[in-house]
Amino acid sequence: MSGSGFLAVDPGAAERAAAACRGQIARLDEHIRAVRDLVDPDFGACALGRGLTGKFTDKRTASDGLIARLVLARSGLDAAARHFESTARAYRDNEEGAAAALRGVGRA
């Protein structure tokens, strides 16, 4: 916060934060691809083996499994990156508008 009680954002800092989010998204995309490419285990045809196979497969593919959690993290980072980008754009547009208005002062 600035001394006046208003929040001030450095557009460059917001752009760097967005870039950091995008970098983490790229890393998550690699992990998501790797996890999706894993071969399901085969612990055998007996009841215990089928149970273990299902258990370990579900750890990866279930609605609350690893893939879903990685995709959720990716979605959160993407939302944050888009927010930082729009914040930076809004502040730059506001600064440019203020600068243009100031250039016009006294030109009447």
PDB file of N, CA and C in Angstrom:
ATOM      1  N   MET A   1       0.834  -1.182   0.000  1.00  0.00           N
ATOM      2  CA  MET A   1       0.000   0.000   0.000  1.00  0.00           C
ATOM      3  C   MET A   1       0.875   1.240   0.000  1.00  0.00           C
ATOM      4  N   SER A   2       0.388   2.218  -0.674  1.00  0.00           N
ATOM      5  CA  SER A   2       1.109   3.486  -0.658  1.00  0.00           C
ATOM      6  C   SER A   2       0.739   4.234   0.613  1.00  0.00           C
ATOM      7  N   GLY A   3       1.408   5.332   0.882  1.00  0.00           N
ATOM      8  CA  GLY A   3       1.137   6.122   2.074  1.00  0.00           C
ATOM      9  C   GLY A   3      -0.251   6.730   2.078  1.00  0.00           C
ATOM     10  N   SER A   4      -0.885   6.835   0.921  1.00  0.00           N
ATOM     11  CA  SER A   4      -2.211   7.441   0.840  1.00  0.00           C
ATOM     12  C   SER A   4      -3.328   6.442   1.132  1.00  0.00           C
ATOM     13  N   GLY A   5      -2.981   5.193   1.393  1.00  0.00           N
ATOM     14  CA  GLY A   5      -3.997   4.192   1.677  1.00  0.00           C
ATOM     15  C   GLY A   5      -4.485   3.453   0.446  1.00  0.00           C
ATOM     16  N   PHE A   6      -3.932   3.764  -0.709  1.00  0.00           N
ATOM     17  CA  PHE A   6      -4.301   3.082  -1.943  1.00  0.00           C
ATOM     18  C   PHE A   6      -3.242   2.050  -2.291  1.00  0.00           C
ATOM     19  N   LEU A   7      -3.677   1.010  -2.922  1.00  0.00           N
ATOM     20  CA  LEU A   7      -2.762  -0.026  -3.369  1.00  0.00           C
ATOM     21  C   LEU A   7      -2.070   0.434  -4.640  1.00  0.00           C
ATOM     22  N   ALA A   8      -0.757   0.336  -4.654  1.00  0.00           N
ATOM     23  CA  ALA A   8       0.017   0.688  -5.843  1.00  0.00           C
ATOM     24  C   ALA A   8       0.704  -0.567  -6.353  1.00  0.00           C
ATOM     25  N   VAL A   9       0.645  -0.768  -7.654  1.00  0.00           N
ATOM     26  CA  VAL A   9       1.249  -1.944  -8.269  1.00  0.00           C
ATOM     27  C   VAL A   9       2.265  -1.488  -9.298  1.00  0.00           C
ATOM     28  N   ASP A  10       3.443  -2.052  -9.219  1.00  0.00           N
ATOM     29  CA  ASP A  10       4.456  -1.820 -10.240  1.00  0.00           C
ATOM     30  C   ASP A  10       4.131  -2.760 -11.402  1.00  0.00           C
ATOM     31  N   PRO A  11       3.780  -2.214 -12.572  1.00  0.00           N
ATOM     32  CA  PRO A  11       3.429  -3.082 -13.696  1.00  0.00           C
ATOM     33  C   PRO A  11       4.533  -4.088 -14.039  1.00  0.00           C
ATOM     34  N   GLY A  12       5.777  -3.669 -13.912  1.00  0.00           N
ATOM     35  CA  GLY A  12       6.885  -4.584 -14.191  1.00  0.00           C
ATOM     36  C   GLY A  12       6.907  -5.752 -13.221  1.00  0.00           C
ATOM     37  N   ALA A  13       6.600  -5.482 -11.952  1.00  0.00           N
ATOM     38  CA  ALA A  13       6.555  -6.563 -10.959  1.00  0.00           C
ATOM     39  C   ALA A  13       5.414  -7.520 -11.271  1.00  0.00           C
ATOM     40  N   ALA A  14       4.269  -6.985 -11.687  1.00  0.00           N
ATOM     41  CA  ALA A  14       3.130  -7.833 -12.048  1.00  0.00           C
ATOM     42  C   ALA A  14       3.475  -8.693 -13.264  1.00  0.00           C
ATOM     43  N   GLU A  15       4.183  -8.112 -14.226  1.00  0.00           N
ATOM     44  CA  GLU A  15       4.604  -8.882 -15.411  1.00  0.00           C
ATOM     45  C   GLU A  15       5.604  -9.972 -15.044  1.00  0.00           C
ATOM     46  N   ARG A  16       6.508  -9.676 -14.107  1.00  0.00           N
ATOM     47  CA  ARG A  16       7.463 -10.693 -13.655  1.00  0.00           C
ATOM     48  C   ARG A  16       6.754 -11.813 -12.897  1.00  0.00           C
ATOM     49  N   ALA A  17       5.747 -11.451 -12.115  1.00  0.00           N
ATOM     50  CA  ALA A  17       4.975 -12.468 -11.396  1.00  0.00           C
ATOM     51  C   ALA A  17       4.227 -13.359 -12.387  1.00  0.00           C
ATOM     52  N   ALA A  18       3.661 -12.755 -13.421  1.00  0.00           N
ATOM     53  CA  ALA A  18       2.964 -13.537 -14.455  1.00  0.00           C
ATOM     54  C   ALA A  18       3.942 -14.481 -15.155  1.00  0.00           C
ATOM     55  N   ALA A  19       5.132 -13.977 -15.461  1.00  0.00           N
ATOM     56  CA  ALA A  19       6.138 -14.810 -16.122  1.00  0.00           C
ATOM     57  C   ALA A  19       6.564 -15.970 -15.219  1.00  0.00           C
ATOM     58  N   ALA A  20       6.671 -15.710 -13.925  1.00  0.00           N
ATOM     59  CA  ALA A  20       7.024 -16.785 -12.987  1.00  0.00           C
ATOM     60  C   ALA A  20       5.916 -17.838 -12.966  1.00  0.00           C
ATOM     61  N   CYS A  21       4.668 -17.401 -12.971  1.00  0.00           N
ATOM     62  CA  CYS A  21       3.548 -18.348 -13.023  1.00  0.00           C
ATOM     63  C   CYS A  21       3.602 -19.161 -14.309  1.00  0.00           C
ATOM     64  N   ARG A  22       3.855 -18.503 -15.418  1.00  0.00           N
ATOM     65  CA  ARG A  22       3.930 -19.202 -16.712  1.00  0.00           C
ATOM     66  C   ARG A  22       5.070 -20.226 -16.707  1.00  0.00           C
ATOM     67  N   GLY A  23       6.188 -19.883 -16.065  1.00  0.00           N
ATOM     68  CA  GLY A  23       7.292 -20.830 -15.955  1.00  0.00           C
ATOM     69  C   GLY A  23       6.904 -22.061 -15.159  1.00  0.00           C
ATOM     70  N   GLN A  24       6.177 -21.863 -14.078  1.00  0.00           N
ATOM     71  CA  GLN A  24       5.714 -22.992 -13.271  1.00  0.00           C
ATOM     72  C   GLN A  24       4.671 -23.816 -14.022  1.00  0.00           C
ATOM     73  N   ILE A  25       3.848 -23.153 -14.818  1.00  0.00           N
ATOM     74  CA  ILE A  25       2.874 -23.868 -15.646  1.00  0.00           C
ATOM     75  C   ILE A  25       3.593 -24.790 -16.620  1.00  0.00           C
ATOM     76  N   ALA A  26       4.664 -24.301 -17.221  1.00  0.00           N
ATOM     77  CA  ALA A  26       5.432 -25.133 -18.155  1.00  0.00           C
ATOM     78  C   ALA A  26       5.989 -26.368 -17.446  1.00  0.00           C
ATOM     79  N   ARG A  27       6.471 -26.180 -16.226  1.00  0.00           N
ATOM     80  CA  ARG A  27       6.986 -27.325 -15.449  1.00  0.00           C
ATOM     81  C   ARG A  27       5.861 -28.304 -15.131  1.00  0.00           C
ATOM     82  N   LEU A  28       4.712 -27.777 -14.725  1.00  0.00           N
ATOM     83  CA  LEU A  28       3.570 -28.652 -14.433  1.00  0.00           C
ATOM     84  C   LEU A  28       3.123 -29.408 -15.680  1.00  0.00           C
ATOM     85  N   ASP A  29       3.129 -28.730 -16.830  1.00  0.00           N
ATOM     86  CA  ASP A  29       2.746 -29.404 -18.073  1.00  0.00           C
ATOM     87  C   ASP A  29       3.649 -30.605 -18.340  1.00  0.00           C
ATOM     88  N   GLU A  30       4.943 -30.455 -18.074  1.00  0.00           N
ATOM     89  CA  GLU A  30       5.871 -31.582 -18.247  1.00  0.00           C
ATOM     90  C   GLU A  30       5.503 -32.726 -17.315  1.00  0.00           C
ATOM     91  N   HIS A  31       5.209 -32.403 -16.059  1.00  0.00           N
ATOM     92  CA  HIS A  31       4.854 -33.438 -15.087  1.00  0.00           C
ATOM     93  C   HIS A  31       3.524 -34.100 -15.442  1.00  0.00           C
ATOM     94  N   ILE A  32       2.566 -33.306 -15.887  1.00  0.00           N
ATOM     95  CA  ILE A  32       1.265 -33.865 -16.271  1.00  0.00           C
ATOM     96  C   ILE A  32       1.445 -34.845 -17.426  1.00  0.00           C
ATOM     97  N   ARG A  33       2.229 -34.449 -18.439  1.00  0.00           N
ATOM     98  CA  ARG A  33       2.485 -35.359 -19.565  1.00  0.00           C
ATOM     99  C   ARG A  33       3.161 -36.636 -19.085  1.00  0.00           C
ATOM    100  N   ALA A  34       4.141 -36.487 -18.211  1.00  0.00           N
ATOM    101  CA  ALA A  34       4.875 -37.662 -17.717  1.00  0.00           C
ATOM    102  C   ALA A  34       3.956 -38.602 -16.936  1.00  0.00           C
ATOM    103  N   VAL A  35       3.098 -38.043 -16.106  1.00  0.00           N
ATOM    104  CA  VAL A  35       2.201 -38.880 -15.306  1.00  0.00           C
ATOM    105  C   VAL A  35       1.156 -39.546 -16.202  1.00  0.00           C
ATOM    106  N   ARG A  36       0.669 -38.819 -17.193  1.00  0.00           N
ATOM    107  CA  ARG A  36      -0.308 -39.417 -18.119  1.00  0.00           C
ATOM    108  C   ARG A  36       0.323 -40.550 -18.926  1.00  0.00           C
ATOM    109  N   ASP A  37       1.612 -40.444 -19.207  1.00  0.00           N
ATOM    110  CA  ASP A  37       2.301 -41.451 -20.005  1.00  0.00           C
ATOM    111  C   ASP A  37       2.720 -42.688 -19.213  1.00  0.00           C
ATOM    112  N   LEU A  38       2.554 -42.649 -17.902  1.00  0.00           N
ATOM    113  CA  LEU A  38       2.932 -43.814 -17.099  1.00  0.00           C
ATOM    114  C   LEU A  38       2.079 -45.019 -17.480  1.00  0.00           C
ATOM    115  N   VAL A  39       2.687 -46.176 -17.458  1.00  0.00           N
ATOM    116  CA  VAL A  39       1.974 -47.419 -17.732  1.00  0.00           C
ATOM    117  C   VAL A  39       1.364 -47.901 -16.425  1.00  0.00           C
ATOM    118  N   ASP A  40       0.102 -48.302 -16.496  1.00  0.00           N
ATOM    119  CA  ASP A  40      -0.553 -48.824 -15.293  1.00  0.00           C
ATOM    120  C   ASP A  40       0.168 -50.084 -14.827  1.00  0.00           C
ATOM    121  N   PRO A  41       0.343 -50.211 -13.524  1.00  0.00           N
ATOM    122  CA  PRO A  41       1.041 -51.393 -13.006  1.00  0.00           C
ATOM    123  C   PRO A  41       0.188 -52.650 -13.175  1.00  0.00           C
ATOM    124  N   ASP A  42       0.840 -53.768 -13.187  1.00  0.00           N
ATOM    125  CA  ASP A  42       0.140 -55.055 -13.239  1.00  0.00           C
ATOM    126  C   ASP A  42       0.699 -55.931 -12.133  1.00  0.00           C
ATOM    127  N   PHE A  43      -0.076 -56.093 -11.085  1.00  0.00           N
ATOM    128  CA  PHE A  43       0.370 -56.880  -9.945  1.00  0.00           C
ATOM    129  C   PHE A  43      -0.163 -58.311  -9.989  1.00  0.00           C
ATOM    130  N   GLY A  44      -0.673 -58.695 -11.128  1.00  0.00           N
ATOM    131  CA  GLY A  44      -1.112 -60.074 -11.288  1.00  0.00           C
ATOM    132  C   GLY A  44      -2.615 -60.208 -11.353  1.00  0.00           C
ATOM    133  N   ALA A  45      -3.048 -61.438 -11.674  1.00  0.00           N
ATOM    134  CA  ALA A  45      -4.458 -61.708 -11.911  1.00  0.00           C
ATOM    135  C   ALA A  45      -5.203 -62.144 -10.655  1.00  0.00           C
ATOM    136  N   CYS A  46      -4.493 -62.420  -9.571  1.00  0.00           N
ATOM    137  CA  CYS A  46      -5.179 -62.834  -8.343  1.00  0.00           C
ATOM    138  C   CYS A  46      -5.910 -61.631  -7.745  1.00  0.00           C
ATOM    139  N   ALA A  47      -6.777 -61.879  -6.801  1.00  0.00           N
ATOM    140  CA  ALA A  47      -7.579 -60.808  -6.196  1.00  0.00           C
ATOM    141  C   ALA A  47      -6.706 -59.714  -5.593  1.00  0.00           C
ATOM    142  N   LEU A  48      -5.664 -60.102  -4.886  1.00  0.00           N
ATOM    143  CA  LEU A  48      -4.758 -59.118  -4.289  1.00  0.00           C
ATOM    144  C   LEU A  48      -4.060 -58.306  -5.372  1.00  0.00           C
ATOM    145  N   GLY A  49      -3.594 -58.976  -6.412  1.00  0.00           N
ATOM    146  CA  GLY A  49      -2.920 -58.288  -7.518  1.00  0.00           C
ATOM    147  C   GLY A  49      -3.835 -57.302  -8.219  1.00  0.00           C
ATOM    148  N   ARG A  50      -5.066 -57.712  -8.494  1.00  0.00           N
ATOM    149  CA  ARG A  50      -6.036 -56.802  -9.143  1.00  0.00           C
ATOM    150  C   ARG A  50      -6.343 -55.617  -8.231  1.00  0.00           C
ATOM    151  N   GLY A  51      -6.466 -55.876  -6.945  1.00  0.00           N
ATOM    152  CA  GLY A  51      -6.722 -54.790  -5.995  1.00  0.00           C
ATOM    153  C   GLY A  51      -5.591 -53.779  -5.970  1.00  0.00           C
ATOM    154  N   LEU A  52      -4.364 -54.268  -5.934  1.00  0.00           N
ATOM    155  CA  LEU A  52      -3.207 -53.362  -5.934  1.00  0.00           C
ATOM    156  C   LEU A  52      -3.109 -52.597  -7.247  1.00  0.00           C
ATOM    157  N   THR A  53      -3.368 -53.298  -8.351  1.00  0.00           N
ATOM    158  CA  THR A  53      -3.326 -52.626  -9.660  1.00  0.00           C
ATOM    159  C   THR A  53      -4.319 -51.465  -9.677  1.00  0.00           C
ATOM    160  N   GLY A  54      -5.548 -51.726  -9.244  1.00  0.00           N
ATOM    161  CA  GLY A  54      -6.562 -50.676  -9.209  1.00  0.00           C
ATOM    162  C   GLY A  54      -6.197 -49.550  -8.270  1.00  0.00           C
ATOM    163  N   LYS A  55      -5.665 -49.902  -7.123  1.00  0.00           N
ATOM    164  CA  LYS A  55      -5.296 -48.887  -6.134  1.00  0.00           C
ATOM    165  C   LYS A  55      -4.236 -47.935  -6.681  1.00  0.00           C
ATOM    166  N   PHE A  56      -3.186 -48.491  -7.280  1.00  0.00           N
ATOM    167  CA  PHE A  56      -2.116 -47.636  -7.782  1.00  0.00           C
ATOM    168  C   PHE A  56      -2.532 -46.864  -9.030  1.00  0.00           C
ATOM    169  N   THR A  57      -3.375 -47.462  -9.856  1.00  0.00           N
ATOM    170  CA  THR A  57      -3.883 -46.743 -11.028  1.00  0.00           C
ATOM    171  C   THR A  57      -4.748 -45.570 -10.582  1.00  0.00           C
ATOM    172  N   ASP A  58      -5.611 -45.798  -9.584  1.00  0.00           N
ATOM    173  CA  ASP A  58      -6.471 -44.728  -9.083  1.00  0.00           C
ATOM    174  C   ASP A  58      -5.667 -43.580  -8.473  1.00  0.00           C
ATOM    175  N   LYS A  59      -4.542 -43.871  -7.860  1.00  0.00           N
ATOM    176  CA  LYS A  59      -3.705 -42.800  -7.279  1.00  0.00           C
ATOM    177  C   LYS A  59      -3.314 -41.800  -8.362  1.00  0.00           C
ATOM    178  N   ARG A  60      -3.237 -42.269  -9.582  1.00  0.00           N
ATOM    179  CA  ARG A  60      -2.842 -41.423 -10.696  1.00  0.00           C
ATOM    180  C   ARG A  60      -4.041 -40.836 -11.417  1.00  0.00           C
ATOM    181  N   THR A  61      -5.101 -41.639 -11.642  1.00  0.00           N
ATOM    182  CA  THR A  61      -6.162 -41.238 -12.565  1.00  0.00           C
ATOM    183  C   THR A  61      -7.490 -40.865 -11.923  1.00  0.00           C
ATOM    184  N   ALA A  62      -7.677 -41.096 -10.647  1.00  0.00           N
ATOM    185  CA  ALA A  62      -8.960 -40.798 -10.008  1.00  0.00           C
ATOM    186  C   ALA A  62      -9.243 -39.300 -10.016  1.00  0.00           C
ATOM    187  N   SER A  63     -10.492 -38.950  -9.729  1.00  0.00           N
ATOM    188  CA  SER A  63     -10.877 -37.530  -9.746  1.00  0.00           C
ATOM    189  C   SER A  63     -10.110 -36.718  -8.704  1.00  0.00           C
ATOM    190  N   ASP A  64      -9.574 -37.380  -7.685  1.00  0.00           N
ATOM    191  CA  ASP A  64      -8.723 -36.698  -6.706  1.00  0.00           C
ATOM    192  C   ASP A  64      -7.289 -37.225  -6.757  1.00  0.00           C
ATOM    193  N   GLY A  65      -6.950 -37.854  -7.868  1.00  0.00           N
ATOM    194  CA  GLY A  65      -5.617 -38.425  -8.046  1.00  0.00           C
ATOM    195  C   GLY A  65      -4.590 -37.391  -8.468  1.00  0.00           C
ATOM    196  N   LEU A  66      -3.402 -37.868  -8.725  1.00  0.00           N
ATOM    197  CA  LEU A  66      -2.272 -36.991  -9.035  1.00  0.00           C
ATOM    198  C   LEU A  66      -2.519 -36.121 -10.263  1.00  0.00           C
ATOM    199  N   ILE A  67      -3.031 -36.700 -11.323  1.00  0.00           N
ATOM    200  CA  ILE A  67      -3.268 -35.905 -12.537  1.00  0.00           C
ATOM    201  C   ILE A  67      -4.246 -34.769 -12.237  1.00  0.00           C
ATOM    202  N   ALA A  68      -5.341 -35.079 -11.568  1.00  0.00           N
ATOM    203  CA  ALA A  68      -6.342 -34.051 -11.254  1.00  0.00           C
ATOM    204  C   ALA A  68      -5.751 -32.947 -10.379  1.00  0.00           C
ATOM    205  N   ARG A  69      -4.919 -33.333  -9.432  1.00  0.00           N
ATOM    206  CA  ARG A  69      -4.314 -32.324  -8.551  1.00  0.00           C
ATOM    207  C   ARG A  69      -3.318 -31.447  -9.309  1.00  0.00           C
ATOM    208  N   LEU A  70      -2.554 -32.044 -10.210  1.00  0.00           N
ATOM    209  CA  LEU A  70      -1.618 -31.253 -11.019  1.00  0.00           C
ATOM    210  C   LEU A  70      -2.374 -30.303 -11.941  1.00  0.00           C
ATOM    211  N   VAL A  71      -3.466 -30.783 -12.533  1.00  0.00           N
ATOM    212  CA  VAL A  71      -4.277 -29.939 -13.414  1.00  0.00           C
ATOM    213  C   VAL A  71      -4.905 -28.792 -12.611  1.00  0.00           C
ATOM    214  N   LEU A  72      -5.350 -29.072 -11.396  1.00  0.00           N
ATOM    215  CA  LEU A  72      -5.915 -28.028 -10.539  1.00  0.00           C
ATOM    216  C   LEU A  72      -4.862 -26.967 -10.199  1.00  0.00           C
ATOM    217  N   ALA A  73      -3.656 -27.407  -9.875  1.00  0.00           N
ATOM    218  CA  ALA A  73      -2.573 -26.459  -9.585  1.00  0.00           C
ATOM    219  C   ALA A  73      -2.266 -25.615 -10.816  1.00  0.00           C
ATOM    220  N   ARG A  74      -2.267 -26.249 -11.983  1.00  0.00           N
ATOM    221  CA  ARG A  74      -2.003 -25.542 -13.236  1.00  0.00           C
ATOM    222  C   ARG A  74      -3.075 -24.481 -13.474  1.00  0.00           C
ATOM    223  N   SER A  75      -4.323 -24.846 -13.228  1.00  0.00           N
ATOM    224  CA  SER A  75      -5.429 -23.917 -13.416  1.00  0.00           C
ATOM    225  C   SER A  75      -5.298 -22.699 -12.490  1.00  0.00           C
ATOM    226  N   GLY A  76      -4.903 -22.943 -11.247  1.00  0.00           N
ATOM    227  CA  GLY A  76      -4.705 -21.835 -10.311  1.00  0.00           C
ATOM    228  C   GLY A  76      -3.587 -20.908 -10.746  1.00  0.00           C
ATOM    229  N   LEU A  77      -2.494 -21.492 -11.218  1.00  0.00           N
ATOM    230  CA  LEU A  77      -1.379 -20.674 -11.703  1.00  0.00           C
ATOM    231  C   LEU A  77      -1.768 -19.890 -12.951  1.00  0.00           C
ATOM    232  N   ASP A  78      -2.549 -20.507 -13.830  1.00  0.00           N
ATOM    233  CA  ASP A  78      -2.991 -19.817 -15.035  1.00  0.00           C
ATOM    234  C   ASP A  78      -3.888 -18.634 -14.679  1.00  0.00           C
ATOM    235  N   ALA A  79      -4.791 -18.841 -13.724  1.00  0.00           N
ATOM    236  CA  ALA A  79      -5.662 -17.744 -13.285  1.00  0.00           C
ATOM    237  C   ALA A  79      -4.834 -16.611 -12.675  1.00  0.00           C
ATOM    238  N   ALA A  80      -3.843 -16.965 -11.868  1.00  0.00           N
ATOM    239  CA  ALA A  80      -2.983 -15.941 -11.262  1.00  0.00           C
ATOM    240  C   ALA A  80      -2.202 -15.194 -12.340  1.00  0.00           C
ATOM    241  N   ALA A  81      -1.652 -15.921 -13.304  1.00  0.00           N
ATOM    242  CA  ALA A  81      -0.888 -15.276 -14.383  1.00  0.00           C
ATOM    243  C   ALA A  81      -1.771 -14.316 -15.167  1.00  0.00           C
ATOM    244  N   ARG A  82      -2.980 -14.759 -15.512  1.00  0.00           N
ATOM    245  CA  ARG A  82      -3.890 -13.875 -16.248  1.00  0.00           C
ATOM    246  C   ARG A  82      -4.244 -12.634 -15.430  1.00  0.00           C
ATOM    247  N   HIS A  83      -4.421 -12.804 -14.133  1.00  0.00           N
ATOM    248  CA  HIS A  83      -4.724 -11.663 -13.260  1.00  0.00           C
ATOM    249  C   HIS A  83      -3.545 -10.688 -13.222  1.00  0.00           C
ATOM    250  N   PHE A  84      -2.335 -11.205 -13.039  1.00  0.00           N
ATOM    251  CA  PHE A  84      -1.154 -10.339 -13.036  1.00  0.00           C
ATOM    252  C   PHE A  84      -1.017  -9.611 -14.365  1.00  0.00           C
ATOM    253  N   GLU A  85      -1.242 -10.319 -15.478  1.00  0.00           N
ATOM    254  CA  GLU A  85      -1.121  -9.693 -16.798  1.00  0.00           C
ATOM    255  C   GLU A  85      -2.159  -8.593 -16.995  1.00  0.00           C
ATOM    256  N   SER A  86      -3.391  -8.855 -16.584  1.00  0.00           N
ATOM    257  CA  SER A  86      -4.423  -7.823 -16.756  1.00  0.00           C
ATOM    258  C   SER A  86      -4.178  -6.637 -15.823  1.00  0.00           C
ATOM    259  N   THR A  87      -3.652  -6.909 -14.632  1.00  0.00           N
ATOM    260  CA  THR A  87      -3.326  -5.821 -13.704  1.00  0.00           C
ATOM    261  C   THR A  87      -2.225  -4.943 -14.281  1.00  0.00           C
ATOM    262  N   ALA A  88      -1.185  -5.570 -14.812  1.00  0.00           N
ATOM    263  CA  ALA A  88      -0.082  -4.805 -15.411  1.00  0.00           C
ATOM    264  C   ALA A  88      -0.583  -3.981 -16.588  1.00  0.00           C
ATOM    265  N   ARG A  89      -1.416  -4.597 -17.422  1.00  0.00           N
ATOM    266  CA  ARG A  89      -1.951  -3.899 -18.595  1.00  0.00           C
ATOM    267  C   ARG A  89      -2.808  -2.706 -18.157  1.00  0.00           C
ATOM    268  N   ALA A  90      -3.644  -2.888 -17.151  1.00  0.00           N
ATOM    269  CA  ALA A  90      -4.507  -1.802 -16.669  1.00  0.00           C
ATOM    270  C   ALA A  90      -3.683  -0.655 -16.096  1.00  0.00           C
ATOM    271  N   TYR A  91      -2.651  -0.976 -15.334  1.00  0.00           N
ATOM    272  CA  TYR A  91      -1.809   0.083 -14.764  1.00  0.00           C
ATOM    273  C   TYR A  91      -1.044   0.819 -15.855  1.00  0.00           C
ATOM    274  N   ARG A  92      -0.533   0.082 -16.837  1.00  0.00           N
ATOM    275  CA  ARG A  92       0.185   0.752 -17.940  1.00  0.00           C
ATOM    276  C   ARG A  92      -0.772   1.657 -18.727  1.00  0.00           C
ATOM    277  N   ASP A  93      -1.982   1.152 -19.010  1.00  0.00           N
ATOM    278  CA  ASP A  93      -2.971   1.963 -19.729  1.00  0.00           C
ATOM    279  C   ASP A  93      -3.334   3.210 -18.930  1.00  0.00           C
ATOM    280  N   ASN A  94      -3.483   3.058 -17.613  1.00  0.00           N
ATOM    281  CA  ASN A  94      -3.820   4.186 -16.751  1.00  0.00           C
ATOM    282  C   ASN A  94      -2.684   5.208 -16.741  1.00  0.00           C
ATOM    283  N   GLU A  95      -1.459   4.717 -16.647  1.00  0.00           N
ATOM    284  CA  GLU A  95      -0.301   5.625 -16.653  1.00  0.00           C
ATOM    285  C   GLU A  95      -0.200   6.365 -17.976  1.00  0.00           C
ATOM    286  N   GLU A  96      -0.425   5.658 -19.082  1.00  0.00           N
ATOM    287  CA  GLU A  96      -0.359   6.302 -20.394  1.00  0.00           C
ATOM    288  C   GLU A  96      -1.462   7.349 -20.542  1.00  0.00           C
ATOM    289  N   GLY A  97      -2.657   7.028 -20.024  1.00  0.00           N
ATOM    290  CA  GLY A  97      -3.766   7.994 -20.075  1.00  0.00           C
ATOM    291  C   GLY A  97      -3.472   9.226 -19.236  1.00  0.00           C
ATOM    292  N   ALA A  98      -2.903   9.012 -18.067  1.00  0.00           N
ATOM    293  CA  ALA A  98      -2.560  10.148 -17.208  1.00  0.00           C
ATOM    294  C   ALA A  98      -1.470  10.997 -17.847  1.00  0.00           C
ATOM    295  N   ALA A  99      -0.479  10.347 -18.446  1.00  0.00           N
ATOM    296  CA  ALA A  99       0.601  11.094 -19.102  1.00  0.00           C
ATOM    297  C   ALA A  99       0.059  11.906 -20.270  1.00  0.00           C
ATOM    298  N   ALA A 100      -0.844  11.310 -21.044  1.00  0.00           N
ATOM    299  CA  ALA A 100      -1.432  12.034 -22.174  1.00  0.00           C
ATOM    300  C   ALA A 100      -2.253  13.217 -21.681  1.00  0.00           C
ATOM    301  N   ALA A 101      -2.982  13.018 -20.597  1.00  0.00           N
ATOM    302  CA  ALA A 101      -3.784  14.115 -20.043  1.00  0.00           C
ATOM    303  C   ALA A 101      -2.894  15.248 -19.556  1.00  0.00           C
ATOM    304  N   LEU A 102      -1.776  14.894 -18.932  1.00  0.00           N
ATOM    305  CA  LEU A 102      -0.859  15.925 -18.442  1.00  0.00           C
ATOM    306  C   LEU A 102      -0.200  16.677 -19.583  1.00  0.00           C
ATOM    307  N   ARG A 103       0.087  15.985 -20.670  1.00  0.00           N
ATOM    308  CA  ARG A 103       0.688  16.673 -21.828  1.00  0.00           C
ATOM    309  C   ARG A 103      -0.279  17.692 -22.415  1.00  0.00           C
ATOM    310  N   GLY A 104      -1.576  17.433 -22.247  1.00  0.00           N
ATOM    311  CA  GLY A 104      -2.581  18.341 -22.791  1.00  0.00           C
ATOM    312  C   GLY A 104      -2.900  19.521 -21.908  1.00  0.00           C
ATOM    313  N   VAL A 105      -2.432  19.496 -20.661  1.00  0.00           N
ATOM    314  CA  VAL A 105      -2.703  20.599 -19.730  1.00  0.00           C
ATOM    315  C   VAL A 105      -1.968  21.854 -20.205  1.00  0.00           C
ATOM    316  N   GLY A 106      -2.673  22.944 -20.255  1.00  0.00           N
ATOM    317  CA  GLY A 106      -2.068  24.215 -20.626  1.00  0.00           C
ATOM    318  C   GLY A 106      -1.988  24.457 -22.117  1.00  0.00           C
ATOM    319  N   ARG A 107      -2.563  23.573 -22.913  1.00  0.00           N
ATOM    320  CA  ARG A 107      -2.529  23.743 -24.374  1.00  0.00           C
ATOM    321  C   ARG A 107      -3.863  24.266 -24.873  1.00  0.00           C
ATOM    322  N   ALA A 108      -4.405  25.182 -24.250  1.00  0.00           N
ATOM    323  CA  ALA A 108      -5.724  25.654 -24.716  1.00  0.00           C
ATOM    324  C   ALA A 108      -5.630  26.947 -25.437  1.00  0.00           C
TER     325      ALA A 108
END
